[in-house]
Each structure stands twice: as C-alpha cells, then as structure tokens.
Amino acid sequence: MTLRQKSTITILAATLAIISCSVVDKLLTFTISNTATIKIESGLPIGGVFEIVTPDITTNSSKEFENNNTKANLVKDVKLNSLNLTITDPSGKSFSFLKSVRLYISTDASDEMELAYLEDINTTSNTITLIPNTIKLDKYIKASSYTIRTSAVLKETVTKDITIAANMKFKVTADPF
C-alpha cells in the first residue's frame, strides 16, 4: 500500500469516527422542560434588590430519562438551553418595570448556582429571554426536585401583584452505556 493510500484511509477513518460520534451524540441528546412560577408582590421599593424563592420544583427527570431510553447514571452533561420569563397576570403587563433579574438553582444536597440573568432590561414585551450560564447542571436535574431563587431590581413601582412563568429548557446528553 502506498503512502497516499494510507493517508486516504486514515483521513476516511477519522472522518467516519467524527461523524459517528456526532450521530451518537444527537441520538443521546434531548431536552427537558420545566416551569416555575414567580410572584412579584406590589409595594416593593424601586432600586432595591428583592428576592423570591419558588416552592420546590419536581423534576420528573427519571421519567424523562426513561422516555429518552437512558438512565440518570448515564447522563453526562446537562446545561440550560433557554430560560424565558412570561408575565401571566395581569394581562397586558410588560417587563418595563424591571431593571435586572438573576435566577439561581439549588437543591438540598447541592450549592446554589446562577442559572441565568438579564441586565438593563428595556422592553415593552410581556416575555423576556434570559442569558443562560454555561455551568453543568447534572446534579440539579438528576435530583428529585430543585428550588429557583429570583433576585431582581425594579425601576418602576409595582401597583398590582405580578405572576411570571419561568420556562426552562435543559439540554441533556447521555452516554450510550
């Protein structure tokens, strides 16, 4: 076999290996969605930081893993793919009252980590998309439940309680065995 033939075979083998890994990753990558409800009470001070802690959010991750032909011990990487906040009550309310927001995730067994944030909010929409952090969230999603803490700064007076849905999408990648 000539050097040229060996080089061609090596390049083809490497390309096949890369493509195979990519295909396997796609087969073993899926999304888990969860929603939390955040309630901002009227009468909070403008410019001050306020915090809201959600009740525990049940992950149902075991069922999600099973539905995607995997198990918790095979999950190797979980990251937040997207986090959108949508005002659900009162209708017609926009995020113009909010200056900044940060969401944190924790479990009883794991430290709190910043999940996503948005600074200098300037919108008249009832939905905003936060910037996700790139931290690994395996231990939080594998847990039976987790808590979301919201830290925010107001730039307008809130005269009526505001209910917000936090829609989270987590990208999960699992090992084949």
Protein backbone atom coordinates (compact mmCIF):
# COMPACT_ATOMS: atom_id res chain seq x y z
CA MET A 1 0.00 0.00 0.00
CA THR A 2 1.35 3.40 -0.93
CA LEU A 3 1.74 6.33 1.43
CA ARG A 4 -1.01 8.16 -0.44
CA GLN A 5 -3.44 5.23 0.02
CA LYS A 6 -2.57 5.01 3.73
CA SER A 7 -3.18 8.75 4.12
CA THR A 8 -6.53 8.50 2.35
CA ILE A 9 -7.63 5.57 4.52
CA THR A 10 -6.54 7.39 7.69
CA ILE A 11 -8.47 10.54 6.70
CA LEU A 12 -11.57 8.50 5.84
CA ALA A 13 -11.38 6.58 9.14
CA ALA A 14 -11.00 9.81 11.14
CA THR A 15 -13.91 11.43 9.28
CA LEU A 16 -16.10 8.37 9.88
CA ALA A 17 -15.23 8.39 13.59
CA ILE A 18 -16.10 12.09 13.92
CA ILE A 19 -19.39 11.67 12.06
CA SER A 20 -20.28 8.57 14.10
CA CYS A 21 -19.64 10.40 17.38
CA SER A 22 -21.77 13.31 16.21
CA VAL A 23 -24.63 10.98 15.23
CA VAL A 24 -24.43 9.12 18.57
CA ASP A 25 -24.44 12.44 20.50
CA LYS A 26 -27.55 13.55 18.58
CA LEU A 27 -29.27 10.25 19.38
CA LEU A 28 -28.41 10.64 23.07
CA THR A 29 -29.22 14.35 23.38
CA PHE A 30 -32.68 15.54 24.34
CA THR A 31 -34.47 18.42 26.08
CA ILE A 32 -36.17 18.51 29.47
CA SER A 33 -38.60 21.37 30.06
CA ASN A 34 -39.70 22.71 33.45
CA THR A 35 -41.74 25.71 34.56
CA ALA A 36 -41.61 27.70 37.78
CA THR A 37 -43.99 30.41 38.94
CA ILE A 38 -42.58 33.65 40.32
CA LYS A 39 -44.84 36.15 42.09
CA ILE A 40 -43.77 39.76 42.50
CA GLU A 41 -45.82 41.48 45.16
CA SER A 42 -46.92 45.08 44.86
CA GLY A 43 -45.32 47.71 47.04
CA LEU A 44 -41.67 46.65 46.64
CA PRO A 45 -39.15 49.53 46.68
CA ILE A 46 -37.71 50.88 43.43
CA GLY A 47 -33.96 50.33 43.01
CA GLY A 48 -33.68 47.84 45.83
CA VAL A 49 -32.82 44.20 45.30
CA PHE A 50 -35.62 41.82 46.22
CA GLU A 51 -35.57 38.05 46.31
CA ILE A 52 -38.24 35.43 45.68
CA VAL A 53 -37.82 31.70 46.33
CA THR A 54 -40.09 29.26 44.49
CA PRO A 55 -41.51 26.18 46.11
CA ASP A 56 -39.58 23.01 45.21
CA ILE A 57 -39.93 22.11 41.54
CA THR A 58 -40.33 18.39 40.90
CA THR A 59 -38.02 17.40 38.05
CA ASN A 60 -39.67 14.16 36.84
CA SER A 61 -36.20 13.53 35.40
CA SER A 62 -36.33 9.77 35.92
CA LYS A 63 -39.41 9.61 33.69
CA GLU A 64 -37.79 11.96 31.13
CA PHE A 65 -34.64 9.81 31.09
CA GLU A 66 -36.73 6.67 30.62
CA ASN A 67 -38.72 8.30 27.78
CA ASN A 68 -35.39 9.02 26.07
CA ASN A 69 -34.00 5.50 26.56
CA THR A 70 -31.45 6.39 29.21
CA LYS A 71 -30.93 6.45 33.00
CA ALA A 72 -29.65 9.06 35.44
CA ASN A 73 -26.28 7.29 35.83
CA LEU A 74 -25.71 7.60 32.05
CA VAL A 75 -26.39 11.34 31.92
CA LYS A 76 -23.05 13.07 31.38
CA ASP A 77 -23.94 16.68 30.62
CA VAL A 78 -26.92 18.92 31.42
CA LYS A 79 -26.92 22.62 30.54
CA LEU A 80 -29.57 25.29 30.44
CA ASN A 81 -30.53 25.78 26.80
CA SER A 82 -33.03 28.62 27.30
CA LEU A 83 -34.94 30.45 30.01
CA ASN A 84 -37.88 32.69 29.14
CA LEU A 85 -39.91 34.73 31.59
CA THR A 86 -43.53 35.49 30.64
CA ILE A 87 -45.97 37.61 32.61
CA THR A 88 -49.16 35.58 33.02
CA ASP A 89 -51.04 38.01 35.29
CA PRO A 90 -52.13 40.77 34.94
CA SER A 91 -52.76 40.52 31.21
CA GLY A 92 -51.26 43.34 29.19
CA LYS A 93 -48.43 43.95 31.70
CA SER A 94 -44.92 44.31 30.27
CA PHE A 95 -41.45 43.92 31.77
CA SER A 96 -40.88 47.70 31.61
CA PHE A 97 -40.94 47.75 35.45
CA LEU A 98 -37.85 45.53 35.72
CA LYS A 99 -34.25 46.77 35.61
CA SER A 100 -32.42 43.44 36.04
CA VAL A 101 -33.08 39.84 37.04
CA ARG A 102 -30.99 36.82 38.04
CA LEU A 103 -32.22 33.28 38.64
CA TYR A 104 -30.38 30.74 40.79
CA ILE A 105 -30.86 26.98 41.15
CA SER A 106 -30.23 24.81 44.23
CA THR A 107 -31.13 21.51 45.87
CA ASP A 108 -30.93 20.38 49.47
CA ALA A 109 -27.74 18.48 48.58
CA SER A 110 -26.12 20.95 46.14
CA ASP A 111 -24.84 24.50 46.36
CA GLU A 112 -26.72 27.34 44.73
CA MET A 113 -25.55 28.29 41.21
CA GLU A 114 -26.54 31.19 39.00
CA LEU A 115 -28.74 29.78 36.23
CA ALA A 116 -29.42 32.82 34.01
CA TYR A 117 -29.57 36.61 34.07
CA LEU A 118 -30.55 39.74 32.16
CA GLU A 119 -29.29 43.26 32.85
CA ASP A 120 -30.52 46.67 31.64
CA ILE A 121 -33.97 45.37 30.67
CA ASN A 122 -35.64 47.81 28.30
CA THR A 123 -38.74 46.30 26.74
CA THR A 124 -42.49 46.72 26.46
CA SER A 125 -42.98 42.98 25.88
CA ASN A 126 -44.55 40.54 28.34
CA THR A 127 -41.79 38.00 27.58
CA ILE A 128 -38.03 38.26 28.04
CA THR A 129 -35.25 35.77 27.30
CA LEU A 130 -32.50 35.50 29.89
CA ILE A 131 -28.85 34.75 29.16
CA PRO A 132 -28.09 31.21 30.37
CA ASN A 133 -24.86 30.42 32.20
CA THR A 134 -22.84 27.52 30.81
CA ILE A 135 -22.49 25.62 34.09
CA LYS A 136 -23.09 21.86 34.30
CA LEU A 137 -26.44 21.17 35.92
CA ASP A 138 -26.36 17.35 36.09
CA LYS A 139 -26.79 17.09 39.86
CA TYR A 140 -29.73 19.52 39.87
CA ILE A 141 -31.69 17.83 37.09
CA LYS A 142 -30.93 14.33 38.42
CA ALA A 143 -32.34 15.35 41.82
CA SER A 144 -35.99 14.69 42.59
CA SER A 145 -36.58 18.44 42.96
CA TYR A 146 -34.82 21.78 42.94
CA THR A 147 -35.52 25.35 44.02
CA ILE A 148 -35.29 28.53 41.95
CA ARG A 149 -34.39 31.80 43.68
CA THR A 150 -35.01 35.05 41.84
CA SER A 151 -33.08 38.22 42.57
CA ALA A 152 -34.29 41.35 40.78
CA VAL A 153 -34.16 45.14 40.78
CA LEU A 154 -37.24 47.24 39.98
CA LYS A 155 -37.14 50.51 38.05
CA GLU A 156 -40.87 51.28 38.40
CA THR A 157 -43.40 50.96 41.19
CA VAL A 158 -45.45 47.78 41.04
CA THR A 159 -49.05 48.63 41.98
CA LYS A 160 -50.53 45.16 41.46
CA ASP A 161 -49.08 41.69 42.13
CA ILE A 162 -47.40 40.21 39.02
CA THR A 163 -47.27 36.48 38.25
CA ILE A 164 -44.46 35.29 35.98
CA ALA A 165 -43.89 31.87 34.41
CA ALA A 166 -40.22 30.88 34.13
CA ASN A 167 -39.98 28.40 31.24
CA MET A 168 -36.71 26.49 31.35
CA LYS A 169 -35.32 24.11 28.72
CA PHE A 170 -32.36 21.93 29.67
CA LYS A 171 -30.19 20.17 27.07
CA VAL A 172 -29.33 16.68 28.31
CA THR A 173 -26.62 14.43 26.82
CA ALA A 174 -26.21 10.82 27.96
CA ASP A 175 -23.59 8.14 27.42
CA PRO A 176 -24.66 5.11 25.34
CA PHE A 177 -23.74 2.59 28.07
